[in-house]
Amino acid sequence: MAASSCLKLFLAFLLLTILLEGVCTSAKSICELSSLHIDQSKTGELYAGKPVYRVGVANWCACTQSNVVLNCGGFKSVKPIDPQLIELNDDKCLINDGRPFKVHVFEYAADTQYNFTVAKSDPAC
C-alpha cells in the first residue's frame, strides 16, 4: 500500500510539473534557481535496512536548463546510484549528466532524508 501512495504522490508531482510548465512565460526571462523544484518522499522500500527515498527535480520554467547542480555535501547512499542520474563531486551533485530535463528522478537509501538544494543551472532562453 505504501508503494501505491508513493506512486500517487509521484504522479501528482508529475502532473503539477506539466501544468506549471508555463511559470516562466517570457522567453526573455532568465530562469531563477527557484524554478527548479525538488520533491522527495519515502518509497516504503528498504535497501540494506535503510529507507529508500525517491527524489524528483522538476524544471518549472519554460526555458530549458542544463548543468543542474545540487548542493549535496555529506550526502551518502547505501543504494548505488547511476552516476548519469546524479554524480557526486565533493559537495556538489550534477543531475542527469548535465543534460536538460523537465522532470528528473533518482532514488537513494539512507538513515534519514537528505535536504538537497539547487546550487546552479545554465538556463537557455
N, C-alpha and C. Protein backbone atom coordinates (compact mmCIF):
# COMPACT_ATOMS: atom_id res chain seq x y z
N MET A 1 0.82 -1.19 0.00
CA MET A 1 0.00 0.00 0.00
C MET A 1 0.87 1.26 0.00
N ALA A 2 2.03 1.22 0.66
CA ALA A 2 2.92 2.38 0.69
C ALA A 2 3.43 2.70 -0.71
N ALA A 3 3.71 1.66 -1.50
CA ALA A 3 4.18 1.88 -2.86
C ALA A 3 3.09 2.54 -3.70
N SER A 4 1.82 2.17 -3.46
CA SER A 4 0.70 2.76 -4.20
C SER A 4 0.56 4.25 -3.88
N SER A 5 0.64 4.62 -2.60
CA SER A 5 0.52 6.03 -2.24
C SER A 5 1.74 6.81 -2.72
N CYS A 6 2.91 6.18 -2.73
CA CYS A 6 4.12 6.84 -3.23
C CYS A 6 3.98 7.09 -4.73
N LEU A 7 3.42 6.11 -5.45
CA LEU A 7 3.21 6.28 -6.89
C LEU A 7 2.21 7.40 -7.15
N LYS A 8 1.14 7.47 -6.35
CA LYS A 8 0.15 8.54 -6.50
C LYS A 8 0.79 9.90 -6.25
N LEU A 9 1.63 10.00 -5.23
CA LEU A 9 2.32 11.25 -4.92
C LEU A 9 3.22 11.65 -6.08
N PHE A 10 3.95 10.68 -6.63
CA PHE A 10 4.85 10.97 -7.73
C PHE A 10 4.07 11.40 -8.97
N LEU A 11 2.95 10.73 -9.27
CA LEU A 11 2.14 11.10 -10.42
C LEU A 11 1.53 12.49 -10.24
N ALA A 12 1.12 12.82 -9.02
CA ALA A 12 0.60 14.16 -8.74
C ALA A 12 1.69 15.21 -8.96
N PHE A 13 2.91 14.90 -8.53
CA PHE A 13 4.05 15.79 -8.72
C PHE A 13 4.31 15.98 -10.21
N LEU A 14 4.25 14.91 -10.98
CA LEU A 14 4.48 14.98 -12.42
C LEU A 14 3.40 15.82 -13.10
N LEU A 15 2.14 15.61 -12.72
CA LEU A 15 1.03 16.38 -13.29
C LEU A 15 1.18 17.86 -12.96
N LEU A 16 1.53 18.17 -11.72
CA LEU A 16 1.73 19.56 -11.31
C LEU A 16 2.85 20.19 -12.14
N THR A 17 3.90 19.44 -12.38
CA THR A 17 5.02 19.94 -13.17
C THR A 17 4.57 20.28 -14.58
N ILE A 18 3.78 19.40 -15.18
CA ILE A 18 3.29 19.65 -16.54
C ILE A 18 2.38 20.87 -16.57
N LEU A 19 1.49 20.98 -15.57
CA LEU A 19 0.56 22.12 -15.52
C LEU A 19 1.28 23.44 -15.32
N LEU A 20 2.37 23.41 -14.58
CA LEU A 20 3.09 24.64 -14.26
C LEU A 20 4.23 24.92 -15.23
N GLU A 21 4.23 24.24 -16.36
CA GLU A 21 5.31 24.40 -17.33
C GLU A 21 5.48 25.85 -17.75
N GLY A 22 4.42 26.59 -17.77
CA GLY A 22 4.49 27.97 -18.23
C GLY A 22 4.75 28.99 -17.14
N VAL A 23 5.25 28.58 -15.98
CA VAL A 23 5.51 29.53 -14.90
C VAL A 23 6.43 30.65 -15.37
N CYS A 24 7.43 30.31 -16.12
CA CYS A 24 8.31 31.34 -16.71
C CYS A 24 7.82 31.55 -18.14
N THR A 25 6.93 32.46 -18.37
CA THR A 25 6.30 32.57 -19.68
C THR A 25 7.12 33.39 -20.68
N SER A 26 7.89 34.30 -20.23
CA SER A 26 8.65 35.13 -21.15
C SER A 26 9.94 34.43 -21.55
N ALA A 27 10.14 34.26 -22.85
CA ALA A 27 11.36 33.61 -23.32
C ALA A 27 12.58 34.45 -23.01
N LYS A 28 12.37 35.75 -22.76
CA LYS A 28 13.50 36.62 -22.45
C LYS A 28 13.86 36.57 -20.97
N SER A 29 12.97 36.03 -20.16
CA SER A 29 13.27 36.00 -18.72
C SER A 29 14.28 34.89 -18.42
N ILE A 30 15.13 35.16 -17.50
CA ILE A 30 16.10 34.16 -17.06
C ILE A 30 15.44 33.30 -16.00
N CYS A 31 15.59 32.02 -16.13
CA CYS A 31 15.04 31.12 -15.12
C CYS A 31 15.84 31.27 -13.83
N GLU A 32 15.13 31.44 -12.74
CA GLU A 32 15.79 31.52 -11.44
C GLU A 32 15.94 30.12 -10.86
N LEU A 33 16.83 29.99 -9.90
CA LEU A 33 17.02 28.68 -9.27
C LEU A 33 15.73 28.17 -8.64
N SER A 34 14.87 29.09 -8.21
CA SER A 34 13.61 28.69 -7.59
C SER A 34 12.66 28.02 -8.59
N SER A 35 12.95 28.13 -9.89
CA SER A 35 12.11 27.44 -10.88
C SER A 35 12.47 25.95 -10.98
N LEU A 36 13.52 25.55 -10.29
CA LEU A 36 13.85 24.13 -10.16
C LEU A 36 13.32 23.66 -8.82
N HIS A 37 12.32 22.80 -8.85
CA HIS A 37 11.64 22.36 -7.64
C HIS A 37 12.06 20.94 -7.28
N ILE A 38 12.41 20.73 -6.02
CA ILE A 38 12.83 19.41 -5.53
C ILE A 38 11.75 18.86 -4.62
N ASP A 39 11.33 17.64 -4.90
CA ASP A 39 10.33 16.96 -4.08
C ASP A 39 10.86 15.56 -3.80
N GLN A 40 10.72 15.11 -2.57
CA GLN A 40 11.14 13.75 -2.27
C GLN A 40 10.23 13.11 -1.25
N SER A 41 10.18 11.79 -1.32
CA SER A 41 9.33 11.03 -0.41
C SER A 41 9.90 9.63 -0.23
N LYS A 42 9.51 9.00 0.88
CA LYS A 42 9.89 7.61 1.11
C LYS A 42 9.10 6.72 0.16
N THR A 43 9.76 5.69 -0.37
CA THR A 43 9.06 4.77 -1.26
C THR A 43 8.35 3.67 -0.48
N GLY A 44 8.73 3.47 0.77
CA GLY A 44 8.19 2.37 1.56
C GLY A 44 9.06 1.12 1.46
N GLU A 45 10.08 1.17 0.62
CA GLU A 45 11.01 0.05 0.47
C GLU A 45 12.21 0.26 1.38
N LEU A 46 12.93 -0.85 1.62
CA LEU A 46 14.19 -0.80 2.36
C LEU A 46 15.30 -1.34 1.47
N TYR A 47 16.49 -0.78 1.63
CA TYR A 47 17.68 -1.29 0.95
C TYR A 47 18.76 -1.38 2.01
N ALA A 48 19.27 -2.57 2.23
CA ALA A 48 20.28 -2.80 3.28
C ALA A 48 19.78 -2.27 4.62
N GLY A 49 18.49 -2.42 4.87
CA GLY A 49 17.90 -2.00 6.14
C GLY A 49 17.62 -0.51 6.26
N LYS A 50 17.89 0.24 5.21
CA LYS A 50 17.68 1.70 5.23
C LYS A 50 16.48 2.06 4.36
N PRO A 51 15.70 3.09 4.75
CA PRO A 51 14.58 3.51 3.91
C PRO A 51 15.06 4.08 2.57
N VAL A 52 14.29 3.80 1.53
CA VAL A 52 14.60 4.30 0.19
C VAL A 52 13.77 5.56 -0.04
N TYR A 53 14.42 6.59 -0.55
CA TYR A 53 13.78 7.87 -0.86
C TYR A 53 13.80 8.08 -2.37
N ARG A 54 12.70 8.59 -2.91
CA ARG A 54 12.61 8.95 -4.33
C ARG A 54 12.63 10.47 -4.42
N VAL A 55 13.55 10.98 -5.24
CA VAL A 55 13.71 12.42 -5.41
C VAL A 55 13.29 12.80 -6.83
N GLY A 56 12.45 13.81 -6.93
CA GLY A 56 12.08 14.36 -8.23
C GLY A 56 12.54 15.81 -8.31
N VAL A 57 13.27 16.13 -9.36
CA VAL A 57 13.69 17.51 -9.60
C VAL A 57 12.95 17.95 -10.86
N ALA A 58 12.17 19.01 -10.76
CA ALA A 58 11.36 19.47 -11.88
C ALA A 58 11.73 20.88 -12.28
N ASN A 59 11.81 21.10 -13.59
CA ASN A 59 12.07 22.43 -14.14
C ASN A 59 10.72 23.07 -14.44
N TRP A 60 10.33 24.06 -13.65
CA TRP A 60 9.04 24.73 -13.83
C TRP A 60 9.14 25.92 -14.78
N CYS A 61 10.27 26.13 -15.36
CA CYS A 61 10.46 27.25 -16.28
C CYS A 61 10.22 26.79 -17.72
N ALA A 62 9.74 27.70 -18.56
CA ALA A 62 9.52 27.37 -19.97
C ALA A 62 10.84 27.16 -20.70
N CYS A 63 11.90 27.76 -20.20
CA CYS A 63 13.22 27.60 -20.81
C CYS A 63 13.86 26.30 -20.33
N THR A 64 14.68 25.71 -21.18
CA THR A 64 15.41 24.53 -20.73
C THR A 64 16.54 24.97 -19.80
N GLN A 65 16.92 24.08 -18.91
CA GLN A 65 18.05 24.33 -18.02
C GLN A 65 18.94 23.10 -18.04
N SER A 66 20.21 23.31 -18.28
CA SER A 66 21.17 22.21 -18.29
C SER A 66 22.19 22.44 -17.19
N ASN A 67 23.08 21.48 -17.02
CA ASN A 67 24.11 21.54 -15.98
C ASN A 67 23.52 21.91 -14.63
N VAL A 68 22.42 21.25 -14.28
CA VAL A 68 21.78 21.49 -12.98
C VAL A 68 22.62 20.81 -11.91
N VAL A 69 23.00 21.59 -10.91
CA VAL A 69 23.85 21.10 -9.82
C VAL A 69 23.12 21.33 -8.50
N LEU A 70 23.12 20.30 -7.66
CA LEU A 70 22.54 20.39 -6.33
C LEU A 70 23.64 20.48 -5.29
N ASN A 71 23.36 21.18 -4.19
CA ASN A 71 24.24 21.12 -3.02
C ASN A 71 23.99 19.78 -2.35
N CYS A 72 25.05 19.03 -2.13
CA CYS A 72 24.85 17.71 -1.53
C CYS A 72 26.05 17.29 -0.67
N GLY A 73 26.65 18.25 0.03
CA GLY A 73 27.76 17.94 0.92
C GLY A 73 27.34 16.95 1.99
N GLY A 74 28.10 15.90 2.17
CA GLY A 74 27.80 14.89 3.18
C GLY A 74 26.79 13.85 2.73
N PHE A 75 26.27 13.97 1.50
CA PHE A 75 25.28 13.01 1.01
C PHE A 75 25.94 11.65 0.77
N LYS A 76 25.29 10.62 1.29
CA LYS A 76 25.75 9.24 1.08
C LYS A 76 24.53 8.36 0.92
N SER A 77 24.63 7.40 0.02
CA SER A 77 23.56 6.43 -0.19
C SER A 77 24.14 5.04 -0.10
N VAL A 78 23.46 4.16 0.65
CA VAL A 78 23.91 2.77 0.69
C VAL A 78 23.44 2.04 -0.57
N LYS A 79 22.46 2.60 -1.26
CA LYS A 79 21.98 2.04 -2.52
C LYS A 79 22.77 2.69 -3.65
N PRO A 80 23.43 1.91 -4.50
CA PRO A 80 24.19 2.51 -5.60
C PRO A 80 23.28 3.35 -6.51
N ILE A 81 23.84 4.47 -6.97
CA ILE A 81 23.11 5.37 -7.87
C ILE A 81 23.92 5.51 -9.15
N ASP A 82 23.26 5.35 -10.28
CA ASP A 82 23.90 5.52 -11.58
C ASP A 82 24.45 6.95 -11.67
N PRO A 83 25.75 7.13 -11.93
CA PRO A 83 26.32 8.49 -11.98
C PRO A 83 25.74 9.35 -13.09
N GLN A 84 25.05 8.76 -14.07
CA GLN A 84 24.38 9.58 -15.08
C GLN A 84 23.11 10.20 -14.50
N LEU A 85 22.58 9.61 -13.43
CA LEU A 85 21.40 10.18 -12.77
C LEU A 85 21.79 11.30 -11.82
N ILE A 86 22.80 11.03 -11.00
CA ILE A 86 23.32 12.03 -10.06
C ILE A 86 24.78 11.69 -9.79
N GLU A 87 25.66 12.63 -10.10
CA GLU A 87 27.09 12.40 -9.95
C GLU A 87 27.63 13.30 -8.84
N LEU A 88 28.14 12.67 -7.79
CA LEU A 88 28.66 13.39 -6.63
C LEU A 88 30.10 13.83 -6.88
N ASN A 89 30.36 15.13 -6.76
CA ASN A 89 31.70 15.71 -6.86
C ASN A 89 31.90 16.63 -5.67
N ASP A 90 32.67 16.19 -4.70
CA ASP A 90 32.88 16.93 -3.46
C ASP A 90 31.53 17.20 -2.79
N ASP A 91 31.12 18.46 -2.70
CA ASP A 91 29.85 18.78 -2.04
C ASP A 91 28.76 19.18 -3.04
N LYS A 92 28.97 18.90 -4.32
CA LYS A 92 28.00 19.21 -5.38
C LYS A 92 27.62 17.94 -6.13
N CYS A 93 26.39 17.92 -6.64
CA CYS A 93 25.89 16.78 -7.41
C CYS A 93 25.35 17.26 -8.75
N LEU A 94 25.92 16.75 -9.84
CA LEU A 94 25.44 17.06 -11.18
C LEU A 94 24.28 16.12 -11.50
N ILE A 95 23.19 16.69 -11.99
CA ILE A 95 21.97 15.94 -12.28
C ILE A 95 21.89 15.61 -13.77
N ASN A 96 21.46 14.39 -14.08
CA ASN A 96 21.16 13.96 -15.45
C ASN A 96 22.34 14.15 -16.40
N ASP A 97 23.55 13.96 -15.87
CA ASP A 97 24.77 14.07 -16.68
C ASP A 97 24.88 15.44 -17.36
N GLY A 98 24.24 16.47 -16.75
CA GLY A 98 24.31 17.83 -17.29
C GLY A 98 23.30 18.13 -18.38
N ARG A 99 22.55 17.11 -18.82
CA ARG A 99 21.57 17.32 -19.90
C ARG A 99 20.30 17.99 -19.37
N PRO A 100 19.60 18.76 -20.22
CA PRO A 100 18.35 19.38 -19.78
C PRO A 100 17.26 18.34 -19.53
N PHE A 101 16.28 18.70 -18.70
CA PHE A 101 15.17 17.80 -18.37
C PHE A 101 13.99 18.62 -17.92
N LYS A 102 12.82 18.03 -17.97
CA LYS A 102 11.62 18.63 -17.36
C LYS A 102 11.45 18.06 -15.96
N VAL A 103 11.54 16.73 -15.86
CA VAL A 103 11.47 16.05 -14.56
C VAL A 103 12.57 15.00 -14.54
N HIS A 104 13.33 14.99 -13.47
CA HIS A 104 14.41 14.02 -13.31
C HIS A 104 14.21 13.31 -11.98
N VAL A 105 14.31 11.98 -11.99
CA VAL A 105 14.03 11.20 -10.78
C VAL A 105 15.21 10.27 -10.48
N PHE A 106 15.55 10.19 -9.20
CA PHE A 106 16.53 9.20 -8.75
C PHE A 106 16.14 8.75 -7.35
N GLU A 107 16.70 7.63 -6.93
CA GLU A 107 16.43 7.09 -5.59
C GLU A 107 17.73 6.89 -4.84
N TYR A 108 17.63 6.99 -3.53
CA TYR A 108 18.77 6.70 -2.66
C TYR A 108 18.25 6.06 -1.39
N ALA A 109 19.15 5.42 -0.65
CA ALA A 109 18.79 4.81 0.63
C ALA A 109 19.74 5.32 1.70
N ALA A 110 19.16 5.81 2.79
CA ALA A 110 19.95 6.37 3.89
C ALA A 110 19.11 6.35 5.16
N ASP A 111 19.77 6.57 6.29
CA ASP A 111 19.04 6.61 7.56
C ASP A 111 17.98 7.70 7.58
N THR A 112 18.33 8.87 7.05
CA THR A 112 17.40 10.00 7.06
C THR A 112 17.35 10.65 5.68
N GLN A 113 16.31 11.41 5.46
CA GLN A 113 16.14 12.14 4.20
C GLN A 113 17.18 13.25 4.12
N TYR A 114 17.81 13.40 2.95
CA TYR A 114 18.81 14.44 2.75
C TYR A 114 18.13 15.71 2.22
N ASN A 115 18.58 16.86 2.67
CA ASN A 115 18.00 18.13 2.25
C ASN A 115 18.77 18.70 1.05
N PHE A 116 18.40 18.26 -0.15
CA PHE A 116 19.03 18.78 -1.36
C PHE A 116 18.54 20.20 -1.63
N THR A 117 19.44 21.05 -2.10
CA THR A 117 19.08 22.39 -2.57
C THR A 117 19.77 22.62 -3.91
N VAL A 118 19.21 23.52 -4.71
CA VAL A 118 19.78 23.81 -6.03
C VAL A 118 20.95 24.77 -5.87
N ALA A 119 22.08 24.43 -6.46
CA ALA A 119 23.27 25.27 -6.40
C ALA A 119 23.40 26.15 -7.65
N LYS A 120 23.15 25.56 -8.83
CA LYS A 120 23.29 26.33 -10.07
C LYS A 120 22.63 25.60 -11.22
N SER A 121 22.42 26.34 -12.30
CA SER A 121 21.95 25.76 -13.55
C SER A 121 22.33 26.71 -14.68
N ASP A 122 22.26 26.21 -15.90
CA ASP A 122 22.52 27.03 -17.08
C ASP A 122 21.24 27.11 -17.90
N PRO A 123 20.42 28.17 -17.69
CA PRO A 123 19.19 28.30 -18.47
C PRO A 123 19.49 28.69 -19.92
N ALA A 124 18.66 28.21 -20.83
CA ALA A 124 18.80 28.55 -22.25
C ALA A 124 17.47 29.12 -22.73
N CYS A 125 17.37 30.45 -22.68
CA CYS A 125 16.13 31.12 -23.10
C CYS A 125 16.32 31.81 -24.43
